[in-house]
Amino acid sequence: MTDTEPGFDPESRSGLTLRVLSLPEGIAHTVTELQIPNVTKDSSDDLRFSAEHVYRAVVFEGGGLAWSPDGSNLAFVSGHDGTSADLYVVSRDLREITRLTDGPNQAYQISWSPDSRYIFHTGASNFGTGAGYVMEGVWVARADGTGVRSLYEPDPRTGAEVLVDWVAVDTALVHSWRPDCGENNLITVNVASGEKQVVWPDYFNQATYNPDSGAILIDAQDIDCNPEGASGFYLIEPGGTELEQVSGDEYYSQLPGLPADPMPVALEEYLETLLEVESVIWVEP
């Protein structure tokens, strides 16, 4: 992705282009422009508003392009053929661009399923100024262009829906975020059937998934937003549905990396035995 005229002014929204660099030849192939065409300072307020949000969807909001795991297709969001950011795929040989979505909202946060069949994405009508987005939905598109499924409608109070990871070839781990209390409502959703399963309904600091073991670890704090006052680390074993409290203490977590002062030895050994995540998550009292 190249931007020859970076910036948010309308005159600076015409240089964003998707290009694919062929190696080792070093030849850059232009795929398409990515922004709404012909937007100027004299365009309507609505069109200029749309152009700004398309720019944000493409450049900033959760990644605007991603190669499929099998390397056969590149998914990207673009506003070149309308007045919103829609989802497209282009084949590796760049011969065919397929438009997967066509709607008034801004598609963003695209992620391929591990088997390269589906593309998870979220949509917002307004990215806001820091207190959350106006969420419109969570969808999955078939990469072959044969259909788009609405997975669920976010709670109106939600300021974002966040993909944590894929926990199976057809199942995503997702949570909501609210500006008043933060992360909440951790769920798995099967993109083929639409079936949802609640993992953690309350608020939490962070959730992480270990792809090697298949375990999910949740870091929660006792805050006013949690009606039950849950706090500590909670573990869900691979393929399980029951939460196991690893520790009742509160910790501050960070991903990725290790702190200068390592976690308590007993907890580290326990987590290592259960999760093998010593290189993925660290905790500090």
Protein backbone atom coordinates (compact mmCIF):
# COMPACT_ATOMS: atom_id res chain seq x y z
CA MET A 1 0.00 0.00 0.00
CA THR A 2 1.45 3.36 -1.02
CA ASP A 3 0.26 6.90 -0.33
CA THR A 4 1.71 9.61 -2.55
CA GLU A 5 -0.42 12.34 -0.95
CA PRO A 6 -0.73 11.43 2.77
CA GLY A 7 -3.09 13.40 4.98
CA PHE A 8 -6.73 13.91 5.89
CA ASP A 9 -7.47 16.93 3.68
CA PRO A 10 -9.76 16.04 0.76
CA GLU A 11 -7.01 16.95 -1.70
CA SER A 12 -4.76 14.38 0.03
CA ARG A 13 -7.08 11.43 -0.42
CA SER A 14 -6.32 10.57 -4.00
CA GLY A 15 -2.89 8.99 -3.70
CA LEU A 16 -3.64 5.82 -1.73
CA THR A 17 -2.95 2.86 -4.00
CA LEU A 18 -2.66 -0.90 -3.60
CA ARG A 19 0.41 -2.28 -5.29
CA VAL A 20 1.95 -5.75 -5.24
CA LEU A 21 5.72 -6.03 -5.45
CA SER A 22 6.97 -9.02 -7.44
CA LEU A 23 10.19 -10.52 -6.09
CA PRO A 24 13.00 -11.03 -6.94
CA GLU A 25 12.27 -8.94 -10.05
CA GLY A 26 11.39 -5.90 -7.98
CA ILE A 27 8.46 -4.98 -10.23
CA ALA A 28 5.52 -3.16 -8.61
CA HIS A 29 2.11 -3.99 -10.06
CA THR A 30 -0.72 -1.54 -9.44
CA VAL A 31 -3.94 -3.27 -8.36
CA THR A 32 -6.30 -0.36 -7.73
CA GLU A 33 -6.78 3.01 -6.13
CA LEU A 34 -8.22 2.61 -2.64
CA GLN A 35 -10.08 5.85 -1.98
CA ILE A 36 -13.32 7.40 -3.13
CA PRO A 37 -12.49 9.09 -6.44
CA ASN A 38 -12.85 12.78 -7.22
CA VAL A 39 -13.26 14.09 -3.67
CA THR A 40 -12.25 17.73 -3.31
CA LYS A 41 -12.73 20.56 -0.83
CA ASP A 42 -15.79 21.57 -2.85
CA SER A 43 -17.49 18.17 -2.47
CA SER A 44 -20.50 17.81 -0.19
CA ASP A 45 -20.01 17.41 3.54
CA ASP A 46 -21.41 13.89 3.38
CA LEU A 47 -18.97 12.83 0.67
CA ARG A 48 -16.01 14.38 2.48
CA PHE A 49 -17.11 12.62 5.70
CA SER A 50 -17.28 9.31 3.83
CA ALA A 51 -13.86 9.89 2.27
CA GLU A 52 -12.29 10.48 5.67
CA HIS A 53 -13.78 7.28 7.08
CA VAL A 54 -12.78 5.24 4.04
CA TYR A 55 -9.23 6.52 4.54
CA ARG A 56 -9.34 5.45 8.19
CA ALA A 57 -10.77 2.03 7.32
CA VAL A 58 -8.05 1.40 4.76
CA VAL A 59 -5.07 2.75 6.68
CA PHE A 60 -5.72 2.70 10.41
CA GLU A 61 -8.60 0.57 11.65
CA GLY A 62 -7.42 -2.97 12.28
CA GLY A 63 -5.53 -3.61 9.07
CA GLY A 64 -6.90 -2.95 5.60
CA LEU A 65 -5.31 -5.86 3.75
CA ALA A 66 -4.31 -9.47 4.43
CA TRP A 67 -3.01 -12.41 2.41
CA SER A 68 -4.93 -15.66 2.73
CA PRO A 69 -3.08 -18.37 4.70
CA ASP A 70 -2.69 -20.45 1.54
CA GLY A 71 -1.26 -17.44 -0.32
CA SER A 72 -3.78 -17.60 -3.16
CA ASN A 73 -5.65 -14.33 -2.57
CA LEU A 74 -5.18 -10.88 -1.06
CA ALA A 75 -8.13 -9.39 0.82
CA PHE A 76 -8.37 -5.62 1.14
CA VAL A 77 -10.83 -2.84 1.90
CA SER A 78 -11.30 -0.03 -0.58
CA GLY A 79 -13.62 2.83 -1.48
CA HIS A 80 -12.65 3.01 -5.15
CA ASP A 81 -16.02 1.79 -6.40
CA GLY A 82 -18.51 3.60 -4.18
CA THR A 83 -18.82 5.86 -1.16
CA SER A 84 -17.84 3.41 1.58
CA ALA A 85 -15.02 1.00 2.36
CA ASP A 86 -16.00 -2.43 1.06
CA LEU A 87 -14.26 -5.80 1.11
CA TYR A 88 -12.50 -7.15 -1.98
CA VAL A 89 -10.18 -10.00 -2.90
CA VAL A 90 -7.64 -10.13 -5.68
CA SER A 91 -6.05 -13.31 -6.94
CA ARG A 92 -2.32 -13.79 -6.57
CA ASP A 93 -1.81 -13.38 -10.31
CA LEU A 94 -3.70 -10.02 -10.06
CA ARG A 95 -5.97 -10.98 -12.93
CA GLU A 96 -9.27 -10.78 -11.08
CA ILE A 97 -10.66 -8.47 -8.39
CA THR A 98 -13.85 -9.70 -6.69
CA ARG A 99 -16.05 -7.40 -4.65
CA LEU A 100 -17.40 -9.28 -1.63
CA THR A 101 -19.47 -6.61 0.14
CA ASP A 102 -21.56 -3.66 -0.95
CA GLY A 103 -23.09 -1.54 1.78
CA PRO A 104 -23.20 1.90 3.38
CA ASN A 105 -20.86 1.06 6.29
CA GLN A 106 -17.08 1.00 6.53
CA ALA A 107 -15.63 -2.52 6.50
CA TYR A 108 -12.55 -2.92 8.66
CA GLN A 109 -10.60 -5.45 10.78
CA ILE A 110 -10.37 -8.16 8.13
CA SER A 111 -9.06 -11.60 9.05
CA TRP A 112 -8.87 -14.84 7.09
CA SER A 113 -10.02 -18.15 8.53
CA PRO A 114 -7.14 -20.65 8.82
CA ASP A 115 -8.48 -22.66 5.87
CA SER A 116 -8.66 -19.56 3.61
CA ARG A 117 -12.41 -20.04 3.01
CA TYR A 118 -13.82 -17.14 5.04
CA ILE A 119 -12.98 -13.52 5.75
CA PHE A 120 -14.12 -12.13 9.07
CA HIS A 121 -14.76 -8.39 9.15
CA THR A 122 -16.53 -5.74 11.18
CA GLY A 123 -18.40 -2.64 10.06
CA ALA A 124 -18.92 0.84 11.48
CA SER A 125 -20.76 3.90 10.24
CA ASN A 126 -18.54 6.29 12.23
CA PHE A 127 -15.08 5.74 13.71
CA GLY A 128 -15.55 8.56 16.19
CA THR A 129 -12.87 10.63 17.91
CA GLY A 130 -11.66 8.26 20.63
CA ALA A 131 -14.72 7.17 22.61
CA GLY A 132 -15.54 4.21 20.40
CA TYR A 133 -17.12 3.51 17.03
CA VAL A 134 -20.73 3.44 15.91
CA MET A 135 -20.83 -0.29 15.29
CA GLU A 136 -23.16 -1.66 12.63
CA GLY A 137 -22.34 -5.35 12.54
CA VAL A 138 -19.99 -8.33 12.44
CA TRP A 139 -19.87 -10.36 9.25
CA VAL A 140 -18.07 -13.13 7.46
CA ALA A 141 -17.70 -13.31 3.69
CA ARG A 142 -16.95 -16.39 1.63
CA ALA A 143 -13.69 -15.76 -0.18
CA ASP A 144 -15.07 -17.28 -3.39
CA GLY A 145 -17.71 -14.53 -3.56
CA THR A 146 -20.71 -16.79 -2.97
CA GLY A 147 -22.15 -14.97 0.03
CA VAL A 148 -21.88 -12.83 3.14
CA ARG A 149 -23.29 -13.87 6.53
CA SER A 150 -24.21 -11.54 9.39
CA LEU A 151 -22.76 -13.18 12.50
CA TYR A 152 -24.44 -10.94 15.07
CA GLU A 153 -25.52 -7.38 15.77
CA PRO A 154 -23.43 -5.64 18.45
CA ASP A 155 -25.03 -4.19 21.56
CA PRO A 156 -25.85 -0.50 20.84
CA ARG A 157 -23.64 0.48 23.79
CA THR A 158 -20.64 -1.23 22.24
CA GLY A 159 -17.81 0.95 20.93
CA ALA A 160 -15.93 -1.84 19.15
CA GLU A 161 -15.97 -5.55 18.40
CA VAL A 162 -12.49 -7.07 18.57
CA LEU A 163 -11.25 -10.31 17.03
CA VAL A 164 -8.85 -12.05 19.43
CA ASP A 165 -7.93 -15.05 17.28
CA TRP A 166 -9.25 -18.03 15.36
CA VAL A 167 -9.70 -20.98 17.72
CA ALA A 168 -10.67 -23.41 14.92
CA VAL A 169 -10.83 -23.31 11.13
CA ASP A 170 -14.42 -22.05 11.33
CA THR A 171 -14.57 -20.45 14.79
CA ALA A 172 -13.44 -17.00 15.92
CA LEU A 173 -12.84 -15.69 19.44
CA VAL A 174 -14.31 -12.18 19.71
CA HIS A 175 -15.08 -9.66 22.44
CA SER A 176 -16.85 -6.33 22.79
CA TRP A 177 -15.47 -3.06 24.11
CA ARG A 178 -17.35 -0.24 25.79
CA PRO A 179 -15.92 3.22 26.53
CA ASP A 180 -17.23 3.20 30.11
CA CYS A 181 -15.87 -0.16 31.27
CA GLY A 182 -13.65 -1.64 28.56
CA GLU A 183 -13.48 -5.22 27.29
CA ASN A 184 -16.43 -7.54 27.89
CA ASN A 185 -18.57 -10.36 26.50
CA LEU A 186 -15.91 -12.76 25.24
CA ILE A 187 -17.55 -15.24 22.86
CA THR A 188 -16.75 -17.82 20.23
CA VAL A 189 -18.72 -17.64 17.01
CA ASN A 190 -18.87 -20.30 14.32
CA VAL A 191 -18.69 -18.47 11.01
CA ALA A 192 -20.25 -21.35 9.07
CA SER A 193 -23.34 -21.81 11.26
CA GLY A 194 -23.50 -18.51 13.15
CA GLU A 195 -23.65 -20.38 16.48
CA LYS A 196 -22.31 -18.35 19.43
CA GLN A 197 -21.00 -19.54 22.76
CA VAL A 198 -20.34 -17.19 25.68
CA VAL A 199 -16.90 -17.68 27.20
CA TRP A 200 -16.86 -14.76 29.66
CA PRO A 201 -19.91 -12.46 29.89
CA ASP A 202 -18.41 -9.87 32.24
CA TYR A 203 -15.64 -7.27 31.92
CA PHE A 204 -11.95 -8.16 31.82
CA ASN A 205 -8.55 -6.63 31.20
CA GLN A 206 -7.30 -8.96 28.53
CA ALA A 207 -7.88 -12.35 26.94
CA THR A 208 -5.33 -14.40 25.07
CA TYR A 209 -5.47 -17.63 23.09
CA ASN A 210 -2.65 -20.16 22.88
CA PRO A 211 -2.75 -21.72 19.38
CA ASP A 212 -0.33 -24.48 20.41
CA SER A 213 -2.39 -25.79 23.32
CA GLY A 214 -5.83 -24.41 22.42
CA ALA A 215 -6.30 -22.87 25.87
CA ILE A 216 -7.84 -19.45 26.60
CA LEU A 217 -6.59 -17.29 29.46
CA ILE A 218 -8.64 -14.39 30.85
CA ASP A 219 -7.27 -11.63 33.09
CA ALA A 220 -10.05 -9.97 35.11
CA GLN A 221 -10.15 -7.26 37.77
CA ASP A 222 -12.71 -6.52 40.46
CA ILE A 223 -14.31 -3.34 39.12
CA ASP A 224 -17.73 -1.73 39.55
CA CYS A 225 -18.78 -2.87 36.07
CA ASN A 226 -18.49 -6.54 37.08
CA PRO A 227 -21.65 -7.42 39.02
CA GLU A 228 -20.06 -10.52 40.57
CA GLY A 229 -16.76 -8.85 41.35
CA ALA A 230 -14.74 -11.48 39.49
CA SER A 231 -10.97 -11.00 39.52
CA GLY A 232 -7.82 -12.98 38.84
CA PHE A 233 -6.73 -15.33 36.07
CA TYR A 234 -9.20 -17.80 34.56
CA LEU A 235 -8.35 -20.69 32.27
CA ILE A 236 -10.43 -22.60 29.77
CA GLU A 237 -8.81 -25.87 28.79
CA PRO A 238 -8.66 -26.89 25.10
CA GLY A 239 -12.11 -27.91 23.91
CA GLY A 240 -13.64 -27.16 27.29
CA THR A 241 -16.38 -24.84 28.45
CA GLU A 242 -15.65 -24.67 32.18
CA LEU A 243 -13.64 -21.79 33.64
CA GLU A 244 -10.87 -22.72 36.07
CA GLN A 245 -9.53 -19.99 38.32
CA VAL A 246 -5.74 -20.13 38.07
CA SER A 247 -5.20 -17.34 40.58
CA GLY A 248 -7.47 -15.13 42.66
CA ASP A 249 -4.91 -12.31 42.76
CA GLU A 250 -5.10 -9.30 40.46
CA TYR A 251 -2.30 -8.72 37.99
CA TYR A 252 -1.48 -6.28 35.26
CA SER A 253 -0.88 -8.03 31.96
CA GLN A 254 0.85 -7.11 28.75
CA LEU A 255 1.27 -8.78 25.39
CA PRO A 256 3.85 -9.67 24.16
CA GLY A 257 7.26 -9.78 25.91
CA LEU A 258 8.69 -10.45 29.35
CA PRO A 259 9.09 -7.95 32.21
CA ALA A 260 12.32 -7.07 33.93
CA ASP A 261 10.93 -8.69 37.10
CA PRO A 262 9.40 -12.07 36.25
CA MET A 263 6.10 -13.35 37.57
CA PRO A 264 5.95 -15.27 40.86
CA VAL A 265 7.71 -18.61 40.44
CA ALA A 266 4.79 -20.79 41.57
CA LEU A 267 2.35 -19.09 39.22
CA GLU A 268 4.83 -19.16 36.37
CA GLU A 269 5.36 -22.91 36.79
CA TYR A 270 1.62 -23.53 36.96
CA LEU A 271 0.90 -21.47 33.88
CA GLU A 272 3.79 -23.08 32.03
CA THR A 273 2.44 -26.53 32.82
CA LEU A 274 -1.10 -25.68 31.74
CA LEU A 275 -0.55 -23.32 28.86
CA GLU A 276 3.08 -23.11 27.82
CA VAL A 277 2.55 -19.38 27.46
CA GLU A 278 5.62 -18.06 29.28
CA SER A 279 6.69 -16.30 26.07
CA VAL A 280 3.18 -15.04 25.30
CA ILE A 281 1.96 -13.39 28.47
CA TRP A 282 3.66 -11.99 31.56
CA VAL A 283 2.08 -10.88 34.77
CA GLU A 284 3.21 -8.55 37.47
CA PRO A 285 1.61 -8.22 40.90
